[in-house]
């Protein structure tokens, strides 16, 4: 099987992921609505052939999990979030 961005993106879609792989200068990155808010979405490899198709999907899943964990760690909990009352103007 010839490995291309089109092949990888088709596999991501087939597996129900709403993301696409794109090429940067010396790296690749995931974009689209699912990966749009991620803090880390890059894979630092020089070519698509650095990974197999299954490895690219694994990289997506690793980054997805990593970013979900990061987002959970920065979300304020109800008990730690302080509510402030607006100041009354006289």
C-alpha atoms as a PDB file:
ATOM      1  CA  UNK A   1       0.000   0.000   0.000  1.00  0.00           C
ATOM      2  CA  UNK A   2       1.288   3.429  -0.971  1.00  0.00           C
ATOM      3  CA  UNK A   3       1.374   5.659   2.101  1.00  0.00           C
ATOM      4  CA  UNK A   4       0.150   9.189   1.488  1.00  0.00           C
ATOM      5  CA  UNK A   5      -1.614  11.951   3.403  1.00  0.00           C
ATOM      6  CA  UNK A   6      -4.785  10.967   1.563  1.00  0.00           C
ATOM      7  CA  UNK A   7      -4.434   7.348   2.731  1.00  0.00           C
ATOM      8  CA  UNK A   8      -3.798   8.335   6.349  1.00  0.00           C
ATOM      9  CA  UNK A   9      -6.634  10.878   6.377  1.00  0.00           C
ATOM     10  CA  UNK A  10      -9.020   8.328   4.870  1.00  0.00           C
ATOM     11  CA  UNK A  11      -8.088   5.874   7.622  1.00  0.00           C
ATOM     12  CA  UNK A  12      -8.634   8.517  10.317  1.00  0.00           C
ATOM     13  CA  UNK A  13     -12.100   9.204   8.872  1.00  0.00           C
ATOM     14  CA  UNK A  14     -12.852   5.484   8.545  1.00  0.00           C
ATOM     15  CA  UNK A  15     -12.113   5.071  12.253  1.00  0.00           C
ATOM     16  CA  UNK A  16     -14.428   7.947  13.130  1.00  0.00           C
ATOM     17  CA  UNK A  17     -11.845  10.597  13.978  1.00  0.00           C
ATOM     18  CA  UNK A  18     -12.583  14.172  12.935  1.00  0.00           C
ATOM     19  CA  UNK A  19      -9.001  15.163  12.143  1.00  0.00           C
ATOM     20  CA  UNK A  20      -6.546  15.296   9.282  1.00  0.00           C
ATOM     21  CA  UNK A  21      -2.787  14.945   9.011  1.00  0.00           C
ATOM     22  CA  UNK A  22      -0.918  17.760   7.244  1.00  0.00           C
ATOM     23  CA  UNK A  23       2.738  18.345   6.385  1.00  0.00           C
ATOM     24  CA  UNK A  24       4.859  21.075   7.906  1.00  0.00           C
ATOM     25  CA  UNK A  25       8.530  21.832   7.282  1.00  0.00           C
ATOM     26  CA  UNK A  26      10.296  18.771   8.718  1.00  0.00           C
ATOM     27  CA  UNK A  27       7.282  17.601  10.720  1.00  0.00           C
ATOM     28  CA  UNK A  28       3.622  16.643  10.417  1.00  0.00           C
ATOM     29  CA  UNK A  29       0.639  17.860  12.396  1.00  0.00           C
ATOM     30  CA  UNK A  30      -2.992  17.021  12.989  1.00  0.00           C
ATOM     31  CA  UNK A  31      -5.655  19.622  12.339  1.00  0.00           C
ATOM     32  CA  UNK A  32      -9.431  20.003  12.055  1.00  0.00           C
ATOM     33  CA  UNK A  33     -12.123  20.422  14.664  1.00  0.00           C
ATOM     34  CA  UNK A  34     -11.026  17.559  16.924  1.00  0.00           C
ATOM     35  CA  UNK A  35      -7.356  18.567  17.021  1.00  0.00           C
ATOM     36  CA  UNK A  36      -7.914  22.320  16.701  1.00  0.00           C
ATOM     37  CA  UNK A  37      -7.716  23.063  20.438  1.00  0.00           C
ATOM     38  CA  UNK A  38      -4.860  20.705  21.190  1.00  0.00           C
ATOM     39  CA  UNK A  39      -1.762  22.167  22.811  1.00  0.00           C
ATOM     40  CA  UNK A  40       0.420  19.569  21.117  1.00  0.00           C
ATOM     41  CA  UNK A  41      -0.511  18.202  17.715  1.00  0.00           C
ATOM     42  CA  UNK A  42       2.821  17.738  15.987  1.00  0.00           C
ATOM     43  CA  UNK A  43       4.726  14.605  15.067  1.00  0.00           C
ATOM     44  CA  UNK A  44       8.384  15.371  14.493  1.00  0.00           C
ATOM     45  CA  UNK A  45       9.408  12.995  11.740  1.00  0.00           C
ATOM     46  CA  UNK A  46      10.874  13.941   8.348  1.00  0.00           C
ATOM     47  CA  UNK A  47       8.716  11.737   6.082  1.00  0.00           C
ATOM     48  CA  UNK A  48       5.391   9.917   6.003  1.00  0.00           C
ATOM     49  CA  UNK A  49       7.318   6.683   5.637  1.00  0.00           C
ATOM     50  CA  UNK A  50       8.821   7.204   9.075  1.00  0.00           C
ATOM     51  CA  UNK A  51       5.720   5.337  10.320  1.00  0.00           C
ATOM     52  CA  UNK A  52       3.369   2.711   8.978  1.00  0.00           C
ATOM     53  CA  UNK A  53      -0.327   3.496   8.585  1.00  0.00           C
ATOM     54  CA  UNK A  54      -1.111   1.836  11.920  1.00  0.00           C
ATOM     55  CA  UNK A  55       1.684   3.787  13.614  1.00  0.00           C
ATOM     56  CA  UNK A  56       0.267   7.078  12.305  1.00  0.00           C
ATOM     57  CA  UNK A  57      -3.111   6.178  13.789  1.00  0.00           C
ATOM     58  CA  UNK A  58      -1.378   5.272  17.061  1.00  0.00           C
ATOM     59  CA  UNK A  59       0.398   8.656  17.060  1.00  0.00           C
ATOM     60  CA  UNK A  60      -2.946  10.390  16.624  1.00  0.00           C
ATOM     61  CA  UNK A  61      -4.439   8.416  19.504  1.00  0.00           C
ATOM     62  CA  UNK A  62      -1.420   9.148  21.737  1.00  0.00           C
ATOM     63  CA  UNK A  63      -1.646  12.874  21.043  1.00  0.00           C
ATOM     64  CA  UNK A  64      -5.400  12.796  21.575  1.00  0.00           C
ATOM     65  CA  UNK A  65      -5.009  11.135  24.978  1.00  0.00           C
ATOM     66  CA  UNK A  66      -2.125  13.417  25.948  1.00  0.00           C
ATOM     67  CA  UNK A  67      -4.152  16.516  25.128  1.00  0.00           C
ATOM     68  CA  UNK A  68      -7.250  15.206  26.924  1.00  0.00           C
ATOM     69  CA  UNK A  69      -5.140  14.654  30.046  1.00  0.00           C
ATOM     70  CA  UNK A  70      -3.690  18.166  29.789  1.00  0.00           C
ATOM     71  CA  UNK A  71      -7.130  19.705  29.450  1.00  0.00           C
ATOM     72  CA  UNK A  72      -8.405  17.787  32.483  1.00  0.00           C
ATOM     73  CA  UNK A  73      -5.480  19.028  34.573  1.00  0.00           C
ATOM     74  CA  UNK A  74      -6.216  22.698  33.826  1.00  0.00           C
ATOM     75  CA  UNK A  75     -10.006  22.621  34.165  1.00  0.00           C
ATOM     76  CA  UNK A  76     -11.094  24.239  37.431  1.00  0.00           C
ATOM     77  CA  UNK A  77     -13.154  22.074  39.728  1.00  0.00           C
ATOM     78  CA  UNK A  78     -16.365  23.372  41.239  1.00  0.00           C
ATOM     79  CA  UNK A  79     -14.875  23.429  44.721  1.00  0.00           C
ATOM     80  CA  UNK A  80     -11.749  25.322  43.667  1.00  0.00           C
ATOM     81  CA  UNK A  81     -13.452  27.861  41.425  1.00  0.00           C
ATOM     82  CA  UNK A  82     -14.281  31.005  43.363  1.00  0.00           C
ATOM     83  CA  UNK A  83     -17.330  32.948  42.460  1.00  0.00           C
ATOM     84  CA  UNK A  84     -16.984  36.661  42.695  1.00  0.00           C
ATOM     85  CA  UNK A  85     -19.880  38.998  43.179  1.00  0.00           C
ATOM     86  CA  UNK A  86     -19.992  42.084  41.022  1.00  0.00           C
ATOM     87  CA  UNK A  87     -19.409  45.312  42.890  1.00  0.00           C
ATOM     88  CA  UNK A  88     -22.500  47.397  43.430  1.00  0.00           C
ATOM     89  CA  UNK A  89     -22.432  50.902  42.136  1.00  0.00           C
ATOM     90  CA  UNK A  90     -24.193  53.519  44.276  1.00  0.00           C
END
